[in-house]
């Protein structure tokens, strides 16, 4: 998540008596918001992991079809290798 996403979530999460004074929140509200953001970040991480796992499976199942630099899977292979250095796709 980036700062803009977190700010948007904060504006939707917190309730202020005066919309022009969004400078302070209670400690409890801050903790609840932190938990909310952590859950969102964990979901985003898990979704990313599922995509990486699917990409690795696709590569492992089909990399033998690559024919050098013209391989359609080259960009996917390079992206996965950048994200998961221990993956040893050839």
PDB file of N, CA and C in Angstrom:
ATOM      1  N   UNK A   1       0.838  -1.174   0.000  1.00  0.00           N
ATOM      2  CA  UNK A   1       0.000   0.000   0.000  1.00  0.00           C
ATOM      3  C   UNK A   1       0.888   1.245   0.000  1.00  0.00           C
ATOM      4  N   UNK A   2       0.417   2.249  -0.680  1.00  0.00           N
ATOM      5  CA  UNK A   2       1.177   3.491  -0.672  1.00  0.00           C
ATOM      6  C   UNK A   2       0.475   4.541   0.191  1.00  0.00           C
ATOM      7  N   UNK A   3       1.126   5.665   0.360  1.00  0.00           N
ATOM      8  CA  UNK A   3       0.626   6.713   1.252  1.00  0.00           C
ATOM      9  C   UNK A   3      -0.756   7.216   0.835  1.00  0.00           C
ATOM     10  N   UNK A   4      -0.975   7.384  -0.466  1.00  0.00           N
ATOM     11  CA  UNK A   4      -2.275   7.871  -0.947  1.00  0.00           C
ATOM     12  C   UNK A   4      -3.395   6.885  -0.614  1.00  0.00           C
ATOM     13  N   UNK A   5      -3.128   5.589  -0.763  1.00  0.00           N
ATOM     14  CA  UNK A   5      -4.131   4.577  -0.425  1.00  0.00           C
ATOM     15  C   UNK A   5      -4.444   4.608   1.073  1.00  0.00           C
ATOM     16  N   UNK A   6      -3.412   4.751   1.892  1.00  0.00           N
ATOM     17  CA  UNK A   6      -3.616   4.786   3.340  1.00  0.00           C
ATOM     18  C   UNK A   6      -4.391   6.042   3.729  1.00  0.00           C
ATOM     19  N   UNK A   7      -4.069   7.163   3.110  1.00  0.00           N
ATOM     20  CA  UNK A   7      -4.791   8.407   3.414  1.00  0.00           C
ATOM     21  C   UNK A   7      -6.266   8.279   3.036  1.00  0.00           C
ATOM     22  N   UNK A   8      -6.546   7.694   1.890  1.00  0.00           N
ATOM     23  CA  UNK A   8      -7.937   7.497   1.470  1.00  0.00           C
ATOM     24  C   UNK A   8      -8.666   6.594   2.465  1.00  0.00           C
ATOM     25  N   UNK A   9      -8.012   5.536   2.889  1.00  0.00           N
ATOM     26  CA  UNK A   9      -8.615   4.645   3.880  1.00  0.00           C
ATOM     27  C   UNK A   9      -8.875   5.379   5.194  1.00  0.00           C
ATOM     28  N   UNK A  10      -7.940   6.225   5.598  1.00  0.00           N
ATOM     29  CA  UNK A  10      -8.103   6.975   6.854  1.00  0.00           C
ATOM     30  C   UNK A  10      -9.308   7.900   6.771  1.00  0.00           C
ATOM     31  N   UNK A  11      -9.455   8.565   5.645  1.00  0.00           N
ATOM     32  CA  UNK A  11     -10.577   9.490   5.486  1.00  0.00           C
ATOM     33  C   UNK A  11     -11.914   8.760   5.517  1.00  0.00           C
ATOM     34  N   UNK A  12     -11.922   7.512   5.075  1.00  0.00           N
ATOM     35  CA  UNK A  12     -13.151   6.714   5.117  1.00  0.00           C
ATOM     36  C   UNK A  12     -13.354   6.015   6.460  1.00  0.00           C
ATOM     37  N   UNK A  13     -12.279   5.813   7.195  1.00  0.00           N
ATOM     38  CA  UNK A  13     -12.315   5.050   8.435  1.00  0.00           C
ATOM     39  C   UNK A  13     -12.709   5.910   9.642  1.00  0.00           C
ATOM     40  N   UNK A  14     -12.047   7.068   9.767  1.00  0.00           N
ATOM     41  CA  UNK A  14     -12.256   7.907  10.941  1.00  0.00           C
ATOM     42  C   UNK A  14     -13.485   8.789  10.783  1.00  0.00           C
ATOM     43  N   UNK A  15     -14.093   9.103  11.911  1.00  0.00           N
ATOM     44  CA  UNK A  15     -15.209  10.041  11.942  1.00  0.00           C
ATOM     45  C   UNK A  15     -14.794  11.241  12.787  1.00  0.00           C
ATOM     46  N   UNK A  16     -14.819  12.422  12.186  1.00  0.00           N
ATOM     47  CA  UNK A  16     -14.453  13.636  12.895  1.00  0.00           C
ATOM     48  C   UNK A  16     -15.709  14.480  13.119  1.00  0.00           C
ATOM     49  N   UNK A  17     -15.761  15.117  14.290  1.00  0.00           N
ATOM     50  CA  UNK A  17     -16.875  16.021  14.570  1.00  0.00           C
ATOM     51  C   UNK A  17     -16.856  17.211  13.631  1.00  0.00           C
ATOM     52  N   UNK A  18     -15.657  17.687  13.340  1.00  0.00           N
ATOM     53  CA  UNK A  18     -15.485  18.834  12.450  1.00  0.00           C
ATOM     54  C   UNK A  18     -14.585  18.401  11.293  1.00  0.00           C
ATOM     55  N   UNK A  19     -15.152  18.277  10.100  1.00  0.00           N
ATOM     56  CA  UNK A  19     -14.363  17.804   8.948  1.00  0.00           C
ATOM     57  C   UNK A  19     -13.151  18.677   8.617  1.00  0.00           C
ATOM     58  N   UNK A  20     -13.164  19.930   9.086  1.00  0.00           N
ATOM     59  CA  UNK A  20     -12.026  20.810   8.830  1.00  0.00           C
ATOM     60  C   UNK A  20     -10.882  20.590   9.821  1.00  0.00           C
ATOM     61  N   UNK A  21     -11.135  19.820  10.865  1.00  0.00           N
ATOM     62  CA  UNK A  21     -10.107  19.559  11.886  1.00  0.00           C
ATOM     63  C   UNK A  21      -9.821  18.060  11.962  1.00  0.00           C
ATOM     64  N   UNK A  22      -9.031  17.599  11.011  1.00  0.00           N
ATOM     65  CA  UNK A  22      -8.683  16.179  10.932  1.00  0.00           C
ATOM     66  C   UNK A  22      -7.250  15.953  11.416  1.00  0.00           C
ATOM     67  N   UNK A  23      -6.884  16.611  12.505  1.00  0.00           N
ATOM     68  CA  UNK A  23      -5.503  16.541  12.968  1.00  0.00           C
ATOM     69  C   UNK A  23      -5.275  15.476  14.029  1.00  0.00           C
ATOM     70  N   UNK A  24      -6.311  15.131  14.784  1.00  0.00           N
ATOM     71  CA  UNK A  24      -6.121  14.230  15.908  1.00  0.00           C
ATOM     72  C   UNK A  24      -7.165  13.115  15.908  1.00  0.00           C
ATOM     73  N   UNK A  25      -6.721  11.942  16.325  1.00  0.00           N
ATOM     74  CA  UNK A  25      -7.625  10.812  16.556  1.00  0.00           C
ATOM     75  C   UNK A  25      -7.239  10.209  17.905  1.00  0.00           C
ATOM     76  N   UNK A  26      -8.141   9.447  18.481  1.00  0.00           N
ATOM     77  CA  UNK A  26      -7.828   8.815  19.755  1.00  0.00           C
ATOM     78  C   UNK A  26      -6.842   7.681  19.536  1.00  0.00           C
ATOM     79  N   UNK A  27      -6.159   7.324  20.590  1.00  0.00           N
ATOM     80  CA  UNK A  27      -5.206   6.219  20.548  1.00  0.00           C
ATOM     81  C   UNK A  27      -5.909   4.923  20.135  1.00  0.00           C
ATOM     82  N   UNK A  28      -7.094   4.692  20.677  1.00  0.00           N
ATOM     83  CA  UNK A  28      -7.860   3.487  20.345  1.00  0.00           C
ATOM     84  C   UNK A  28      -8.212   3.477  18.863  1.00  0.00           C
ATOM     85  N   UNK A  29      -8.657   4.618  18.347  1.00  0.00           N
ATOM     86  CA  UNK A  29      -8.984   4.697  16.922  1.00  0.00           C
ATOM     87  C   UNK A  29      -7.752   4.441  16.067  1.00  0.00           C
ATOM     88  N   UNK A  30      -6.621   4.959  16.505  1.00  0.00           N
ATOM     89  CA  UNK A  30      -5.364   4.754  15.785  1.00  0.00           C
ATOM     90  C   UNK A  30      -5.012   3.267  15.731  1.00  0.00           C
ATOM     91  N   UNK A  31      -5.165   2.581  16.860  1.00  0.00           N
ATOM     92  CA  UNK A  31      -4.875   1.142  16.898  1.00  0.00           C
ATOM     93  C   UNK A  31      -5.832   0.354  16.005  1.00  0.00           C
ATOM     94  N   UNK A  32      -7.098   0.715  16.044  1.00  0.00           N
ATOM     95  CA  UNK A  32      -8.076   0.031  15.185  1.00  0.00           C
ATOM     96  C   UNK A  32      -7.764   0.261  13.708  1.00  0.00           C
ATOM     97  N   UNK A  33      -7.360   1.482  13.371  1.00  0.00           N
ATOM     98  CA  UNK A  33      -6.998   1.783  11.985  1.00  0.00           C
ATOM     99  C   UNK A  33      -5.753   1.014  11.572  1.00  0.00           C
ATOM    100  N   UNK A  34      -4.777   0.924  12.465  1.00  0.00           N
ATOM    101  CA  UNK A  34      -3.561   0.163  12.164  1.00  0.00           C
ATOM    102  C   UNK A  34      -3.906  -1.297  11.883  1.00  0.00           C
ATOM    103  N   UNK A  35      -4.802  -1.852  12.665  1.00  0.00           N
ATOM    104  CA  UNK A  35      -5.232  -3.235  12.445  1.00  0.00           C
ATOM    105  C   UNK A  35      -5.937  -3.368  11.089  1.00  0.00           C
ATOM    106  N   UNK A  36      -6.775  -2.392  10.758  1.00  0.00           N
ATOM    107  CA  UNK A  36      -7.491  -2.382   9.474  1.00  0.00           C
ATOM    108  C   UNK A  36      -6.503  -2.368   8.303  1.00  0.00           C
ATOM    109  N   UNK A  37      -5.506  -1.504   8.377  1.00  0.00           N
ATOM    110  CA  UNK A  37      -4.504  -1.397   7.312  1.00  0.00           C
ATOM    111  C   UNK A  37      -3.658  -2.668   7.247  1.00  0.00           C
ATOM    112  N   UNK A  38      -3.310  -3.225   8.397  1.00  0.00           N
ATOM    113  CA  UNK A  38      -2.520  -4.457   8.417  1.00  0.00           C
ATOM    114  C   UNK A  38      -3.272  -5.593   7.722  1.00  0.00           C
ATOM    115  N   UNK A  39      -4.569  -5.689   7.965  1.00  0.00           N
ATOM    116  CA  UNK A  39      -5.371  -6.732   7.307  1.00  0.00           C
ATOM    117  C   UNK A  39      -5.412  -6.515   5.800  1.00  0.00           C
ATOM    118  N   UNK A  40      -5.546  -5.269   5.382  1.00  0.00           N
ATOM    119  CA  UNK A  40      -5.550  -4.972   3.946  1.00  0.00           C
ATOM    120  C   UNK A  40      -4.203  -5.322   3.314  1.00  0.00           C
ATOM    121  N   UNK A  41      -3.125  -4.970   3.997  1.00  0.00           N
ATOM    122  CA  UNK A  41      -1.785  -5.256   3.477  1.00  0.00           C
ATOM    123  C   UNK A  41      -1.530  -6.755   3.415  1.00  0.00           C
ATOM    124  N   UNK A  42      -2.003  -7.492   4.409  1.00  0.00           N
ATOM    125  CA  UNK A  42      -1.839  -8.938   4.415  1.00  0.00           C
ATOM    126  C   UNK A  42      -2.602  -9.569   3.255  1.00  0.00           C
ATOM    127  N   UNK A  43      -3.811  -9.090   2.982  1.00  0.00           N
ATOM    128  CA  UNK A  43      -4.584  -9.604   1.848  1.00  0.00           C
ATOM    129  C   UNK A  43      -3.857  -9.316   0.538  1.00  0.00           C
ATOM    130  N   UNK A  44      -3.336  -8.097   0.419  1.00  0.00           N
ATOM    131  CA  UNK A  44      -2.597  -7.727  -0.787  1.00  0.00           C
ATOM    132  C   UNK A  44      -1.372  -8.628  -0.959  1.00  0.00           C
ATOM    133  N   UNK A  45      -0.670  -8.893   0.130  1.00  0.00           N
ATOM    134  CA  UNK A  45       0.496  -9.766   0.098  1.00  0.00           C
ATOM    135  C   UNK A  45       0.103 -11.179  -0.327  1.00  0.00           C
ATOM    136  N   UNK A  46      -0.966 -11.707   0.272  1.00  0.00           N
ATOM    137  CA  UNK A  46      -1.417 -13.068  -0.061  1.00  0.00           C
ATOM    138  C   UNK A  46      -1.851 -13.159  -1.514  1.00  0.00           C
ATOM    139  N   UNK A  47      -2.549 -12.148  -2.004  1.00  0.00           N
ATOM    140  CA  UNK A  47      -2.963 -12.134  -3.407  1.00  0.00           C
ATOM    141  C   UNK A  47      -1.745 -12.131  -4.322  1.00  0.00           C
ATOM    142  N   UNK A  48      -0.735 -11.347  -3.953  1.00  0.00           N
ATOM    143  CA  UNK A  48       0.496 -11.291  -4.741  1.00  0.00           C
ATOM    144  C   UNK A  48       1.194 -12.644  -4.728  1.00  0.00           C
ATOM    145  N   UNK A  49       1.224 -13.287  -3.568  1.00  0.00           N
ATOM    146  CA  UNK A  49       1.850 -14.611  -3.472  1.00  0.00           C
ATOM    147  C   UNK A  49       1.135 -15.617  -4.365  1.00  0.00           C
ATOM    148  N   UNK A  50      -0.190 -15.556  -4.405  1.00  0.00           N
ATOM    149  CA  UNK A  50      -0.945 -16.469  -5.273  1.00  0.00           C
ATOM    150  C   UNK A  50      -0.593 -16.246  -6.737  1.00  0.00           C
ATOM    151  N   UNK A  51      -0.445 -14.991  -7.138  1.00  0.00           N
ATOM    152  CA  UNK A  51      -0.068 -14.692  -8.524  1.00  0.00           C
ATOM    153  C   UNK A  51       1.344 -15.192  -8.836  1.00  0.00           C
ATOM    154  N   UNK A  52       2.257 -14.993  -7.895  1.00  0.00           N
ATOM    155  CA  UNK A  52       3.633 -15.468  -8.099  1.00  0.00           C
ATOM    156  C   UNK A  52       3.656 -16.990  -8.204  1.00  0.00           C
ATOM    157  N   UNK A  53       2.922 -17.668  -7.326  1.00  0.00           N
ATOM    158  CA  UNK A  53       2.872 -19.134  -7.374  1.00  0.00           C
ATOM    159  C   UNK A  53       2.293 -19.620  -8.702  1.00  0.00           C
ATOM    160  N   UNK A  54       1.252 -18.950  -9.194  1.00  0.00           N
ATOM    161  CA  UNK A  54       0.668 -19.333 -10.484  1.00  0.00           C
ATOM    162  C   UNK A  54       1.660 -19.093 -11.621  1.00  0.00           C
ATOM    163  N   UNK A  55       2.389 -17.986 -11.544  1.00  0.00           N
ATOM    164  CA  UNK A  55       3.387 -17.695 -12.578  1.00  0.00           C
ATOM    165  C   UNK A  55       4.502 -18.731 -12.558  1.00  0.00           C
ATOM    166  N   UNK A  56       4.963 -19.114 -11.364  1.00  0.00           N
ATOM    167  CA  UNK A  56       6.020 -20.125 -11.263  1.00  0.00           C
ATOM    168  C   UNK A  56       5.537 -21.461 -11.806  1.00  0.00           C
ATOM    169  N   UNK A  57       4.306 -21.840 -11.488  1.00  0.00           N
ATOM    170  CA  UNK A  57       3.763 -23.097 -12.010  1.00  0.00           C
ATOM    171  C   UNK A  57       3.692 -23.053 -13.533  1.00  0.00           C
ATOM    172  N   UNK A  58       3.207 -21.941 -14.068  1.00  0.00           N
ATOM    173  CA  UNK A  58       3.132 -21.788 -15.524  1.00  0.00           C
ATOM    174  C   UNK A  58       4.514 -21.908 -16.151  1.00  0.00           C
ATOM    175  N   UNK A  59       5.490 -21.248 -15.544  1.00  0.00           N
ATOM    176  CA  UNK A  59       6.852 -21.318 -16.070  1.00  0.00           C
ATOM    177  C   UNK A  59       7.423 -22.719 -15.967  1.00  0.00           C
ATOM    178  N   UNK A  60       7.267 -23.357 -14.813  1.00  0.00           N
ATOM    179  CA  UNK A  60       7.802 -24.709 -14.648  1.00  0.00           C
ATOM    180  C   UNK A  60       7.164 -25.689 -15.618  1.00  0.00           C
ATOM    181  N   UNK A  61       5.877 -25.501 -15.900  1.00  0.00           N
ATOM    182  CA  UNK A  61       5.169 -26.406 -16.811  1.00  0.00           C
ATOM    183  C   UNK A  61       5.477 -26.137 -18.283  1.00  0.00           C
ATOM    184  N   UNK A  62       5.897 -24.901 -18.610  1.00  0.00           N
ATOM    185  CA  UNK A  62       5.999 -24.532 -20.027  1.00  0.00           C
ATOM    186  C   UNK A  62       7.340 -23.957 -20.464  1.00  0.00           C
ATOM    187  N   UNK A  63       8.272 -23.827 -19.557  1.00  0.00           N
ATOM    188  CA  UNK A  63       9.531 -23.185 -19.924  1.00  0.00           C
ATOM    189  C   UNK A  63      10.299 -23.970 -20.983  1.00  0.00           C
ATOM    190  N   UNK A  64      10.061 -25.247 -21.055  1.00  0.00           N
ATOM    191  CA  UNK A  64      10.734 -26.066 -22.072  1.00  0.00           C
ATOM    192  C   UNK A  64      10.330 -25.647 -23.489  1.00  0.00           C
ATOM    193  N   UNK A  65       9.248 -24.904 -23.607  1.00  0.00           N
ATOM    194  CA  UNK A  65       8.782 -24.457 -24.916  1.00  0.00           C
ATOM    195  C   UNK A  65       9.495 -23.198 -25.400  1.00  0.00           C
ATOM    196  N   UNK A  66      10.262 -22.574 -24.520  1.00  0.00           N
ATOM    197  CA  UNK A  66      10.958 -21.339 -24.886  1.00  0.00           C
ATOM    198  C   UNK A  66      12.059 -21.627 -25.897  1.00  0.00           C
ATOM    199  N   UNK A  67      12.212 -20.684 -26.805  1.00  0.00           N
ATOM    200  CA  UNK A  67      13.261 -20.833 -27.813  1.00  0.00           C
ATOM    201  C   UNK A  67      14.145 -19.588 -27.824  1.00  0.00           C
ATOM    202  N   UNK A  68      14.829 -19.380 -26.729  1.00  0.00           N
ATOM    203  CA  UNK A  68      15.774 -18.264 -26.645  1.00  0.00           C
ATOM    204  C   UNK A  68      15.102 -16.929 -26.386  1.00  0.00           C
ATOM    205  N   UNK A  69      15.637 -15.883 -27.026  1.00  0.00           N
ATOM    206  CA  UNK A  69      15.182 -14.523 -26.755  1.00  0.00           C
ATOM    207  C   UNK A  69      13.787 -14.215 -27.293  1.00  0.00           C
ATOM    208  N   UNK A  70      13.242 -15.070 -28.148  1.00  0.00           N
ATOM    209  CA  UNK A  70      11.917 -14.799 -28.707  1.00  0.00           C
ATOM    210  C   UNK A  70      10.803 -15.466 -27.913  1.00  0.00           C
ATOM    211  N   UNK A  71      11.122 -16.042 -26.786  1.00  0.00           N
ATOM    212  CA  UNK A  71      10.147 -16.754 -25.962  1.00  0.00           C
ATOM    213  C   UNK A  71       9.086 -15.801 -25.415  1.00  0.00           C
ATOM    214  N   UNK A  72       7.826 -16.206 -25.543  1.00  0.00           N
ATOM    215  CA  UNK A  72       6.730 -15.402 -25.001  1.00  0.00           C
ATOM    216  C   UNK A  72       6.777 -15.335 -23.474  1.00  0.00           C
ATOM    217  N   UNK A  73       7.405 -16.299 -22.841  1.00  0.00           N
ATOM    218  CA  UNK A  73       7.457 -16.359 -21.384  1.00  0.00           C
ATOM    219  C   UNK A  73       8.664 -15.624 -20.805  1.00  0.00           C
ATOM    220  N   UNK A  74       9.471 -15.026 -21.661  1.00  0.00           N
ATOM    221  CA  UNK A  74      10.708 -14.389 -21.205  1.00  0.00           C
ATOM    222  C   UNK A  74      10.450 -13.288 -20.179  1.00  0.00           C
ATOM    223  N   UNK A  75       9.503 -12.399 -20.450  1.00  0.00           N
ATOM    224  CA  UNK A  75       9.220 -11.307 -19.511  1.00  0.00           C
ATOM    225  C   UNK A  75       8.701 -11.847 -18.189  1.00  0.00           C
ATOM    226  N   UNK A  76       7.845 -12.861 -18.257  1.00  0.00           N
ATOM    227  CA  UNK A  76       7.330 -13.473 -17.035  1.00  0.00           C
ATOM    228  C   UNK A  76       8.465 -14.143 -16.273  1.00  0.00           C
ATOM    229  N   UNK A  77       9.321 -14.860 -16.975  1.00  0.00           N
ATOM    230  CA  UNK A  77      10.472 -15.521 -16.348  1.00  0.00           C
ATOM    231  C   UNK A  77      11.369 -14.505 -15.658  1.00  0.00           C
ATOM    232  N   UNK A  78      11.671 -13.404 -16.336  1.00  0.00           N
ATOM    233  CA  UNK A  78      12.545 -12.381 -15.768  1.00  0.00           C
ATOM    234  C   UNK A  78      11.898 -11.702 -14.562  1.00  0.00           C
ATOM    235  N   UNK A  79      10.587 -11.461 -14.628  1.00  0.00           N
ATOM    236  CA  UNK A  79       9.882 -10.832 -13.509  1.00  0.00           C
ATOM    237  C   UNK A  79       9.881 -11.745 -12.292  1.00  0.00           C
ATOM    238  N   UNK A  80       9.597 -13.031 -12.507  1.00  0.00           N
ATOM    239  CA  UNK A  80       9.592 -13.978 -11.388  1.00  0.00           C
ATOM    240  C   UNK A  80      10.991 -14.118 -10.811  1.00  0.00           C
ATOM    241  N   UNK A  81      11.995 -14.186 -11.652  1.00  0.00           N
ATOM    242  CA  UNK A  81      13.368 -14.311 -11.168  1.00  0.00           C
ATOM    243  C   UNK A  81      13.767 -13.082 -10.344  1.00  0.00           C
ATOM    244  N   UNK A  82      13.247 -11.909 -10.700  1.00  0.00           N
ATOM    245  CA  UNK A  82      13.526 -10.700  -9.934  1.00  0.00           C
ATOM    246  C   UNK A  82      12.829 -10.687  -8.578  1.00  0.00           C
ATOM    247  N   UNK A  83      11.632 -11.270  -8.520  1.00  0.00           N
ATOM    248  CA  UNK A  83      10.862 -11.301  -7.267  1.00  0.00           C
ATOM    249  C   UNK A  83      11.264 -12.463  -6.361  1.00  0.00           C
ATOM    250  N   UNK A  84      11.652 -13.583  -6.994  1.00  0.00           N
ATOM    251  CA  UNK A  84      11.961 -14.810  -6.244  1.00  0.00           C
ATOM    252  C   UNK A  84      13.326 -15.314  -6.727  1.00  0.00           C
ATOM    253  N   UNK A  85      14.404 -14.704  -6.222  1.00  0.00           N
ATOM    254  CA  UNK A  85      15.740 -15.069  -6.705  1.00  0.00           C
ATOM    255  C   UNK A  85      16.067 -16.551  -6.553  1.00  0.00           C
ATOM    256  N   UNK A  86      15.476 -17.225  -5.559  1.00  0.00           N
ATOM    257  CA  UNK A  86      15.791 -18.640  -5.364  1.00  0.00           C
ATOM    258  C   UNK A  86      15.134 -19.539  -6.402  1.00  0.00           C
ATOM    259  N   UNK A  87      14.170 -18.982  -7.180  1.00  0.00           N
ATOM    260  CA  UNK A  87      13.563 -19.779  -8.240  1.00  0.00           C
ATOM    261  C   UNK A  87      14.608 -19.955  -9.333  1.00  0.00           C
ATOM    262  N   UNK A  88      14.812 -21.187  -9.745  1.00  0.00           N
ATOM    263  CA  UNK A  88      15.889 -21.492 -10.659  1.00  0.00           C
ATOM    264  C   UNK A  88      15.395 -21.851 -12.047  1.00  0.00           C
ATOM    265  N   UNK A  89      14.420 -21.119 -12.543  1.00  0.00           N
ATOM    266  CA  UNK A  89      13.938 -21.393 -13.900  1.00  0.00           C
ATOM    267  C   UNK A  89      15.029 -21.164 -14.924  1.00  0.00           C
ATOM    268  N   UNK A  90      15.040 -21.987 -15.889  1.00  0.00           N
ATOM    269  CA  UNK A  90      16.067 -21.896 -16.950  1.00  0.00           C
ATOM    270  C   UNK A  90      15.426 -21.418 -18.227  1.00  0.00           C
TER     271      UNK A  90
END
